[in-house]
């Protein structure tokens, strides 16, 4: 997807934030990026895999992120752990993923996206340490304050490079 052609048509650039199941990391980062870009881009989150049910649970939407019904989660009724489609990958101007295996999965689905898919850490500005704002699900615990700090740190670390990449 060509950014310049879309902008000439008056369309906002599209950012797609992906993680495994679209339950926490992608939802939180997409919401924070959307707020930070102030309507200069359309930001969505999706998962790379179909959701699985935990043993003993009635549905797959019972992970930590869905219990925080604010900007860090769209909630069970709104996203249902939405898996990404090839069309969404093809239509995105920028695709952000958290792990190398996720990047490789995107490139398997859509090899033509190779110049548009980046690890979050590849978008970090010089001087920012990913460990200070790690979006690794294992680091969250159940502390909402820690989640907010992590997402804010990562967003502030990538925001300028995202704007440069999208020319906004």
Protein backbone atom coordinates (compact mmCIF):
# COMPACT_ATOMS: atom_id res chain seq x y z
CA UNK A 1 0.00 0.00 0.00
CA UNK A 2 1.48 3.33 -1.09
CA UNK A 3 1.26 6.07 1.55
CA UNK A 4 1.52 8.96 -0.93
CA UNK A 5 -1.31 7.66 -3.14
CA UNK A 6 -3.58 7.24 -0.13
CA UNK A 7 -2.79 10.71 1.17
CA UNK A 8 -3.50 12.22 -2.27
CA UNK A 9 -6.94 10.61 -2.09
CA UNK A 10 -7.44 12.24 1.31
CA UNK A 11 -7.14 8.98 3.23
CA UNK A 12 -5.38 8.72 6.57
CA UNK A 13 -2.45 6.33 6.82
CA UNK A 14 -3.37 2.94 8.32
CA UNK A 15 -1.37 1.39 11.14
CA UNK A 16 -1.93 -2.23 12.06
CA UNK A 17 -0.61 -3.40 15.44
CA UNK A 18 -0.38 -7.18 15.70
CA UNK A 19 0.35 -9.66 18.46
CA UNK A 20 -0.49 -13.29 19.04
CA UNK A 21 -4.19 -13.18 19.86
CA UNK A 22 -5.09 -9.44 19.98
CA UNK A 23 -5.90 -9.61 23.66
CA UNK A 24 -3.43 -7.28 25.36
CA UNK A 25 -0.28 -5.93 23.77
CA UNK A 26 -1.69 -5.01 20.39
CA UNK A 27 -4.89 -3.54 21.84
CA UNK A 28 -3.04 -1.40 24.37
CA UNK A 29 -0.41 -0.12 21.96
CA UNK A 30 -2.96 0.59 19.21
CA UNK A 31 -5.15 2.58 21.58
CA UNK A 32 -2.22 4.57 22.93
CA UNK A 33 -0.86 5.26 19.42
CA UNK A 34 -4.28 6.35 18.25
CA UNK A 35 -4.56 8.79 21.15
CA UNK A 36 -1.03 10.10 20.58
CA UNK A 37 -1.46 10.60 16.84
CA UNK A 38 -4.64 12.60 17.39
CA UNK A 39 -6.60 11.42 14.33
CA UNK A 40 -3.65 11.70 11.91
CA UNK A 41 -3.81 7.95 11.24
CA UNK A 42 -6.24 5.06 11.55
CA UNK A 43 -4.84 2.58 14.06
CA UNK A 44 -6.22 -0.93 14.53
CA UNK A 45 -5.12 -4.02 16.40
CA UNK A 46 -5.47 -7.64 15.41
CA UNK A 47 -4.10 -11.04 16.31
CA UNK A 48 -2.08 -13.37 14.12
CA UNK A 49 -3.73 -16.52 15.45
CA UNK A 50 -7.27 -17.65 16.12
CA UNK A 51 -8.10 -17.44 19.82
CA UNK A 52 -7.97 -20.56 21.91
CA UNK A 53 -10.07 -21.46 24.90
CA UNK A 54 -8.43 -21.90 28.24
CA UNK A 55 -9.23 -25.13 29.97
CA UNK A 56 -12.26 -24.63 32.18
CA UNK A 57 -13.28 -21.27 30.70
CA UNK A 58 -16.41 -20.63 28.65
CA UNK A 59 -14.63 -18.36 26.15
CA UNK A 60 -11.22 -17.18 25.03
CA UNK A 61 -11.70 -13.57 26.12
CA UNK A 62 -10.70 -14.01 29.75
CA UNK A 63 -7.15 -12.69 29.68
CA UNK A 64 -5.83 -9.84 31.81
CA UNK A 65 -6.19 -7.05 29.25
CA UNK A 66 -9.91 -7.57 28.90
CA UNK A 67 -10.48 -6.96 32.59
CA UNK A 68 -9.26 -3.39 32.21
CA UNK A 69 -12.18 -1.74 30.46
CA UNK A 70 -10.51 1.57 29.64
CA UNK A 71 -8.23 2.71 26.84
CA UNK A 72 -6.08 -0.37 27.38
CA UNK A 73 -8.76 -2.75 26.20
CA UNK A 74 -11.60 -2.63 23.76
CA UNK A 75 -13.45 -5.16 25.86
CA UNK A 76 -14.90 -8.54 25.14
CA UNK A 77 -17.95 -7.26 23.30
CA UNK A 78 -15.96 -5.11 20.89
CA UNK A 79 -13.09 -7.17 19.55
CA UNK A 80 -13.43 -10.83 20.47
CA UNK A 81 -9.74 -11.47 19.87
CA UNK A 82 -10.03 -10.57 16.19
CA UNK A 83 -7.58 -12.40 13.90
CA UNK A 84 -5.98 -10.39 11.09
CA UNK A 85 -6.94 -10.89 7.45
CA UNK A 86 -4.63 -10.79 4.46
CA UNK A 87 -6.56 -7.80 3.14
CA UNK A 88 -5.91 -5.86 6.37
CA UNK A 89 -2.19 -6.61 6.05
CA UNK A 90 -2.24 -5.55 2.40
CA UNK A 91 -4.09 -2.31 3.20
CA UNK A 92 -1.84 -1.26 6.10
CA UNK A 93 0.82 1.38 5.53
CA UNK A 94 2.68 0.37 8.70
CA UNK A 95 2.52 -2.94 10.56
CA UNK A 96 3.96 -3.20 14.07
CA UNK A 97 4.65 -6.54 15.74
CA UNK A 98 6.26 -7.49 19.05
CA UNK A 99 8.36 -10.55 18.21
CA UNK A 100 10.47 -11.83 15.35
CA UNK A 101 8.23 -14.89 14.98
CA UNK A 102 5.24 -12.56 14.53
CA UNK A 103 7.14 -10.57 11.88
CA UNK A 104 8.00 -13.80 10.08
CA UNK A 105 4.33 -14.88 10.21
CA UNK A 106 3.26 -11.60 8.58
CA UNK A 107 5.92 -12.03 5.88
CA UNK A 108 4.66 -15.57 5.25
CA UNK A 109 1.08 -14.31 4.87
CA UNK A 110 2.04 -11.29 2.77
CA UNK A 111 5.65 -11.24 1.52
CA UNK A 112 5.03 -7.90 -0.22
CA UNK A 113 4.70 -6.26 3.22
CA UNK A 114 8.44 -6.57 3.92
CA UNK A 115 9.03 -2.79 3.77
CA UNK A 116 6.03 -2.04 5.99
CA UNK A 117 6.35 -4.54 8.86
CA UNK A 118 8.57 -3.71 11.82
CA UNK A 119 9.26 -4.98 15.29
CA UNK A 120 8.28 -2.37 17.87
CA UNK A 121 11.92 -2.22 18.96
CA UNK A 122 12.96 -1.39 15.38
CA UNK A 123 10.85 1.76 15.61
CA UNK A 124 12.39 2.94 18.87
CA UNK A 125 14.20 6.25 18.74
CA UNK A 126 17.88 6.34 19.63
CA UNK A 127 18.38 6.48 23.36
CA UNK A 128 15.20 4.60 24.26
CA UNK A 129 15.59 1.29 26.02
CA UNK A 130 12.88 -1.26 25.26
CA UNK A 131 13.43 -2.84 28.68
CA UNK A 132 12.09 0.35 30.29
CA UNK A 133 8.85 0.01 28.37
CA UNK A 134 8.69 -3.67 27.61
CA UNK A 135 5.41 -4.85 26.12
CA UNK A 136 6.11 -8.43 27.06
CA UNK A 137 2.96 -9.94 28.53
CA UNK A 138 4.98 -11.71 31.22
CA UNK A 139 6.00 -8.33 32.67
CA UNK A 140 2.47 -7.09 33.33
CA UNK A 141 1.38 -8.97 36.40
CA UNK A 142 -1.96 -7.59 37.53
CA UNK A 143 -0.78 -4.05 38.23
CA UNK A 144 -2.63 -1.62 35.97
CA UNK A 145 -0.15 1.13 36.84
CA UNK A 146 2.70 -0.98 35.49
CA UNK A 147 0.76 -1.66 32.29
CA UNK A 148 0.13 2.05 31.78
CA UNK A 149 3.80 2.87 32.36
CA UNK A 150 4.95 0.17 29.94
CA UNK A 151 2.64 1.24 27.13
CA UNK A 152 3.34 4.95 27.66
CA UNK A 153 7.10 4.33 27.58
CA UNK A 154 6.95 2.30 24.38
CA UNK A 155 4.58 4.73 22.66
CA UNK A 156 6.75 7.73 23.48
CA UNK A 157 9.78 5.80 22.24
CA UNK A 158 8.32 4.98 18.81
CA UNK A 159 6.00 7.93 18.14
CA UNK A 160 8.42 10.19 16.24
CA UNK A 161 9.68 7.35 14.04
CA UNK A 162 6.11 6.29 13.27
CA UNK A 163 5.30 9.87 12.24
CA UNK A 164 8.43 10.05 10.05
CA UNK A 165 7.69 6.70 8.40
CA UNK A 166 4.12 7.79 7.59
CA UNK A 167 5.08 11.41 6.76
CA UNK A 168 2.53 12.84 9.20
